[in-house]
C-alpha atoms as a PDB file:
ATOM      1  CA  UNK A   1      -0.414   1.332 -18.479  1.00  0.00           C
ATOM      2  CA  UNK A   2      -1.917  -0.591 -16.159  1.00  0.00           C
ATOM      3  CA  UNK A   3      -0.859   0.458 -12.256  1.00  0.00           C
ATOM      4  CA  UNK A   4      -0.955  -2.297  -8.984  1.00  0.00           C
ATOM      5  CA  UNK A   5      -2.679  -0.291  -6.386  1.00  0.00           C
ATOM      6  CA  UNK A   6      -2.553  -1.068  -2.496  1.00  0.00           C
ATOM      7  CA  UNK A   7      -5.851  -3.509  -1.115  1.00  0.00           C
ATOM      8  CA  UNK A   8      -6.078  -1.015   1.863  1.00  0.00           C
ATOM      9  CA  UNK A   9      -6.553   2.171  -0.435  1.00  0.00           C
ATOM     10  CA  UNK A  10      -8.589   1.073  -3.412  1.00  0.00           C
ATOM     11  CA  UNK A  11     -11.602   1.835  -2.296  1.00  0.00           C
ATOM     12  CA  UNK A  12     -11.305   5.615  -1.293  1.00  0.00           C
ATOM     13  CA  UNK A  13      -9.102   5.498  -4.903  1.00  0.00           C
ATOM     14  CA  UNK A  14     -12.560   3.847  -6.436  1.00  0.00           C
ATOM     15  CA  UNK A  15     -14.625   5.778  -4.323  1.00  0.00           C
ATOM     16  CA  UNK A  16     -12.399   9.197  -5.911  1.00  0.00           C
ATOM     17  CA  UNK A  17     -13.028   8.000  -9.784  1.00  0.00           C
ATOM     18  CA  UNK A  18     -16.618   7.101  -9.124  1.00  0.00           C
ATOM     19  CA  UNK A  19     -17.341  11.107  -8.018  1.00  0.00           C
ATOM     20  CA  UNK A  20     -15.489  11.699 -11.014  1.00  0.00           C
ATOM     21  CA  UNK A  21     -18.419  10.475 -13.172  1.00  0.00           C
ATOM     22  CA  UNK A  22     -16.197   7.924 -14.492  1.00  0.00           C
ATOM     23  CA  UNK A  23     -17.341   4.115 -14.677  1.00  0.00           C
ATOM     24  CA  UNK A  24     -14.997   1.216 -13.637  1.00  0.00           C
ATOM     25  CA  UNK A  25     -15.596  -2.810 -14.398  1.00  0.00           C
ATOM     26  CA  UNK A  26     -13.980  -4.948 -12.347  1.00  0.00           C
ATOM     27  CA  UNK A  27     -12.715  -9.110 -12.865  1.00  0.00           C
ATOM     28  CA  UNK A  28     -10.675 -11.072 -10.595  1.00  0.00           C
ATOM     29  CA  UNK A  29      -8.473 -13.973 -11.326  1.00  0.00           C
ATOM     30  CA  UNK A  30      -4.847 -15.967 -11.118  1.00  0.00           C
ATOM     31  CA  UNK A  31      -3.876 -14.990 -14.812  1.00  0.00           C
ATOM     32  CA  UNK A  32      -1.097 -17.136 -14.068  1.00  0.00           C
ATOM     33  CA  UNK A  33      -0.058 -18.365 -17.265  1.00  0.00           C
ATOM     34  CA  UNK A  34      -1.348 -15.297 -19.765  1.00  0.00           C
ATOM     35  CA  UNK A  35      -2.685 -16.635 -23.107  1.00  0.00           C
ATOM     36  CA  UNK A  36      -4.922 -15.285 -26.025  1.00  0.00           C
ATOM     37  CA  UNK A  37      -8.302 -16.189 -23.801  1.00  0.00           C
ATOM     38  CA  UNK A  38      -7.195 -14.303 -21.356  1.00  0.00           C
ATOM     39  CA  UNK A  39      -6.158 -11.188 -24.098  1.00  0.00           C
ATOM     40  CA  UNK A  40      -9.382 -11.044 -24.847  1.00  0.00           C
ATOM     41  CA  UNK A  41     -11.397 -11.423 -22.001  1.00  0.00           C
ATOM     42  CA  UNK A  42      -9.458  -8.843 -20.482  1.00  0.00           C
ATOM     43  CA  UNK A  43     -10.339  -6.833 -23.906  1.00  0.00           C
ATOM     44  CA  UNK A  44     -14.540  -7.232 -23.496  1.00  0.00           C
ATOM     45  CA  UNK A  45     -14.438  -6.747 -20.032  1.00  0.00           C
ATOM     46  CA  UNK A  46     -12.508  -2.964 -20.735  1.00  0.00           C
ATOM     47  CA  UNK A  47     -15.273  -2.016 -23.034  1.00  0.00           C
ATOM     48  CA  UNK A  48     -18.158  -2.326 -19.968  1.00  0.00           C
ATOM     49  CA  UNK A  49     -16.690   0.778 -18.190  1.00  0.00           C
ATOM     50  CA  UNK A  50     -13.887   3.692 -18.554  1.00  0.00           C
ATOM     51  CA  UNK A  51     -11.574   1.751 -15.755  1.00  0.00           C
ATOM     52  CA  UNK A  52     -10.667  -1.747 -16.105  1.00  0.00           C
ATOM     53  CA  UNK A  53      -9.557  -2.805 -12.399  1.00  0.00           C
ATOM     54  CA  UNK A  54      -8.179  -7.000 -11.985  1.00  0.00           C
ATOM     55  CA  UNK A  55      -8.463  -8.424  -8.429  1.00  0.00           C
ATOM     56  CA  UNK A  56      -5.666 -10.236  -8.693  1.00  0.00           C
ATOM     57  CA  UNK A  57      -5.155 -13.974  -6.022  1.00  0.00           C
ATOM     58  CA  UNK A  58      -1.872 -13.322  -4.030  1.00  0.00           C
ATOM     59  CA  UNK A  59       0.119 -16.448  -4.028  1.00  0.00           C
ATOM     60  CA  UNK A  60      -1.101 -17.471  -1.145  1.00  0.00           C
ATOM     61  CA  UNK A  61      -4.812 -17.363  -2.430  1.00  0.00           C
ATOM     62  CA  UNK A  62      -3.567 -19.147  -6.272  1.00  0.00           C
ATOM     63  CA  UNK A  63      -1.968 -21.679  -3.464  1.00  0.00           C
ATOM     64  CA  UNK A  64      -5.135 -22.236  -1.444  1.00  0.00           C
ATOM     65  CA  UNK A  65      -7.151 -23.124  -4.919  1.00  0.00           C
ATOM     66  CA  UNK A  66      -5.286 -24.434  -7.436  1.00  0.00           C
ATOM     67  CA  UNK A  67      -2.699 -26.109  -5.320  1.00  0.00           C
ATOM     68  CA  UNK A  68       0.631 -26.132  -3.771  1.00  0.00           C
ATOM     69  CA  UNK A  69       2.247 -26.827  -7.387  1.00  0.00           C
ATOM     70  CA  UNK A  70       1.052 -23.231  -8.723  1.00  0.00           C
ATOM     71  CA  UNK A  71       0.840 -20.234  -9.850  1.00  0.00           C
ATOM     72  CA  UNK A  72       3.518 -21.170 -11.924  1.00  0.00           C
ATOM     73  CA  UNK A  73       4.145 -16.696 -12.199  1.00  0.00           C
ATOM     74  CA  UNK A  74       4.541 -15.104  -8.989  1.00  0.00           C
ATOM     75  CA  UNK A  75       2.434 -12.114  -7.743  1.00  0.00           C
ATOM     76  CA  UNK A  76       4.583  -9.762  -8.980  1.00  0.00           C
ATOM     77  CA  UNK A  77       4.864 -11.459 -12.197  1.00  0.00           C
ATOM     78  CA  UNK A  78       1.420 -11.828 -12.821  1.00  0.00           C
ATOM     79  CA  UNK A  79       1.041  -7.676 -11.915  1.00  0.00           C
ATOM     80  CA  UNK A  80       3.716  -6.767 -14.362  1.00  0.00           C
ATOM     81  CA  UNK A  81       2.156  -8.680 -16.988  1.00  0.00           C
ATOM     82  CA  UNK A  82      -1.642  -7.778 -16.315  1.00  0.00           C
ATOM     83  CA  UNK A  83      -0.746  -3.999 -16.514  1.00  0.00           C
ATOM     84  CA  UNK A  84       1.410  -4.221 -19.457  1.00  0.00           C
ATOM     85  CA  UNK A  85      -1.627  -5.095 -21.247  1.00  0.00           C
ATOM     86  CA  UNK A  86      -3.523  -1.181 -22.388  1.00  0.00           C
ATOM     87  CA  UNK A  87      -7.001  -2.409 -21.980  1.00  0.00           C
ATOM     88  CA  UNK A  88      -6.500  -2.796 -17.772  1.00  0.00           C
ATOM     89  CA  UNK A  89      -6.135   0.238 -15.957  1.00  0.00           C
ATOM     90  CA  UNK A  90      -4.563  -1.266 -12.143  1.00  0.00           C
ATOM     91  CA  UNK A  91      -5.044  -4.108 -10.317  1.00  0.00           C
ATOM     92  CA  UNK A  92      -4.984  -4.963  -6.871  1.00  0.00           C
ATOM     93  CA  UNK A  93      -4.048  -8.490  -5.139  1.00  0.00           C
ATOM     94  CA  UNK A  94      -5.747 -10.295  -2.794  1.00  0.00           C
ATOM     95  CA  UNK A  95      -5.376 -12.893  -0.535  1.00  0.00           C
ATOM     96  CA  UNK A  96      -8.340 -14.737   0.217  1.00  0.00           C
ATOM     97  CA  UNK A  97      -9.620 -17.766  -2.032  1.00  0.00           C
ATOM     98  CA  UNK A  98     -12.772 -14.916  -2.867  1.00  0.00           C
ATOM     99  CA  UNK A  99     -12.501 -11.720  -4.298  1.00  0.00           C
ATOM    100  CA  UNK A 100     -16.480 -10.975  -2.585  1.00  0.00           C
ATOM    101  CA  UNK A 101     -15.092  -8.623   0.175  1.00  0.00           C
ATOM    102  CA  UNK A 102     -12.634  -6.028  -2.610  1.00  0.00           C
ATOM    103  CA  UNK A 103     -15.405  -6.356  -4.098  1.00  0.00           C
ATOM    104  CA  UNK A 104     -17.931  -5.369  -1.604  1.00  0.00           C
ATOM    105  CA  UNK A 105     -15.410  -2.741  -0.499  1.00  0.00           C
ATOM    106  CA  UNK A 106     -15.269  -1.138  -4.209  1.00  0.00           C
ATOM    107  CA  UNK A 107     -18.155  -1.364  -5.872  1.00  0.00           C
ATOM    108  CA  UNK A 108     -18.103  -1.505  -9.284  1.00  0.00           C
ATOM    109  CA  UNK A 109     -20.181  -0.550 -11.535  1.00  0.00           C
ATOM    110  CA  UNK A 110     -20.167  -3.722 -13.437  1.00  0.00           C
ATOM    111  CA  UNK A 111     -18.557  -7.543 -12.706  1.00  0.00           C
ATOM    112  CA  UNK A 112     -17.107  -9.140 -15.660  1.00  0.00           C
ATOM    113  CA  UNK A 113     -16.642 -13.321 -15.082  1.00  0.00           C
ATOM    114  CA  UNK A 114     -16.478 -16.062 -17.381  1.00  0.00           C
ATOM    115  CA  UNK A 115     -19.820 -17.673 -19.554  1.00  0.00           C
ATOM    116  CA  UNK A 116     -19.980 -20.759 -16.890  1.00  0.00           C
ATOM    117  CA  UNK A 117     -20.942 -19.146 -14.887  1.00  0.00           C
ATOM    118  CA  UNK A 118     -25.376 -17.627 -14.009  1.00  0.00           C
ATOM    119  CA  UNK A 119     -26.737 -15.035 -12.049  1.00  0.00           C
ATOM    120  CA  UNK A 120     -27.711 -18.582  -9.813  1.00  0.00           C
ATOM    121  CA  UNK A 121     -24.064 -20.242  -9.692  1.00  0.00           C
ATOM    122  CA  UNK A 122     -22.177 -16.717  -9.525  1.00  0.00           C
ATOM    123  CA  UNK A 123     -20.135 -17.280  -6.110  1.00  0.00           C
ATOM    124  CA  UNK A 124     -21.068 -13.088  -5.431  1.00  0.00           C
ATOM    125  CA  UNK A 125     -23.683 -11.998  -7.159  1.00  0.00           C
ATOM    126  CA  UNK A 126     -25.242 -11.476  -3.819  1.00  0.00           C
ATOM    127  CA  UNK A 127     -22.733  -8.695  -3.287  1.00  0.00           C
ATOM    128  CA  UNK A 128     -23.102  -7.431  -6.892  1.00  0.00           C
ATOM    129  CA  UNK A 129     -26.920  -6.978  -5.723  1.00  0.00           C
ATOM    130  CA  UNK A 130     -26.505  -5.101  -3.105  1.00  0.00           C
ATOM    131  CA  UNK A 131     -24.554  -3.240  -4.589  1.00  0.00           C
ATOM    132  CA  UNK A 132     -26.574  -2.602  -7.985  1.00  0.00           C
ATOM    133  CA  UNK A 133     -23.704  -4.355 -10.287  1.00  0.00           C
ATOM    134  CA  UNK A 134     -23.946  -5.090 -13.167  1.00  0.00           C
ATOM    135  CA  UNK A 135     -22.516  -8.513 -14.292  1.00  0.00           C
ATOM    136  CA  UNK A 136     -21.960  -9.434 -18.204  1.00  0.00           C
ATOM    137  CA  UNK A 137     -20.765 -13.211 -18.816  1.00  0.00           C
ATOM    138  CA  UNK A 138     -18.241 -13.847 -21.044  1.00  0.00           C
ATOM    139  CA  UNK A 139     -17.837 -16.554 -23.216  1.00  0.00           C
ATOM    140  CA  UNK A 140     -13.877 -18.362 -23.252  1.00  0.00           C
ATOM    141  CA  UNK A 141     -11.733 -18.919 -26.310  1.00  0.00           C
ATOM    142  CA  UNK A 142     -12.321 -22.525 -26.609  1.00  0.00           C
ATOM    143  CA  UNK A 143      -9.443 -24.598 -25.932  1.00  0.00           C
ATOM    144  CA  UNK A 144      -7.348 -21.528 -24.220  1.00  0.00           C
ATOM    145  CA  UNK A 145      -7.272 -22.219 -20.040  1.00  0.00           C
ATOM    146  CA  UNK A 146      -3.935 -22.330 -18.353  1.00  0.00           C
ATOM    147  CA  UNK A 147      -4.552 -25.617 -16.791  1.00  0.00           C
ATOM    148  CA  UNK A 148      -4.321 -26.532 -20.980  1.00  0.00           C
ATOM    149  CA  UNK A 149      -1.701 -25.166 -21.414  1.00  0.00           C
ATOM    150  CA  UNK A 150       0.121 -26.685 -18.148  1.00  0.00           C
ATOM    151  CA  UNK A 151      -0.777 -29.858 -19.388  1.00  0.00           C
ATOM    152  CA  UNK A 152       0.353 -29.701 -22.723  1.00  0.00           C
ATOM    153  CA  UNK A 153       3.649 -28.645 -21.861  1.00  0.00           C
ATOM    154  CA  UNK A 154       3.817 -31.383 -19.028  1.00  0.00           C
ATOM    155  CA  UNK A 155       3.165 -34.608 -22.265  1.00  0.00           C
ATOM    156  CA  UNK A 156       5.376 -32.467 -24.601  1.00  0.00           C
ATOM    157  CA  UNK A 157       8.430 -32.841 -21.902  1.00  0.00           C
ATOM    158  CA  UNK A 158       7.210 -35.838 -21.084  1.00  0.00           C
ATOM    159  CA  UNK A 159       7.770 -37.124 -24.830  1.00  0.00           C
ATOM    160  CA  UNK A 160      10.805 -35.517 -25.316  1.00  0.00           C
END
């Protein structure tokens, strides 16, 4: 079972893993309503390193990105659900809209992002190059997204 790390301690913790010869893969997201697309994405992410750390958007960050009606699940619930997945070793929350600063602090060996990005469109590309972090783009599961799930729920409630 994974564990939540405090933002202020995470860089030092990851540095200790690196010193012991372990590799770390990081990814980020809101993970608001967990679905099979998330699970497969995280399983693939874990396959790239010894430890998988999820950089989780805080409630404040999700509201800033997705609007006032989100998140559906609060940050502590989302973190606990992620920690229950065998492919997630650590979760750390961040308040900013982007994980750029946190990625620069922890310097993962590998960073995963959805295949809707390329190195040319990846907002964190400069940080990845600076820290010599390999980037892996993961294909999404067709039709599986939190937005699609919410829209389906709304449509079902309107039809009842």
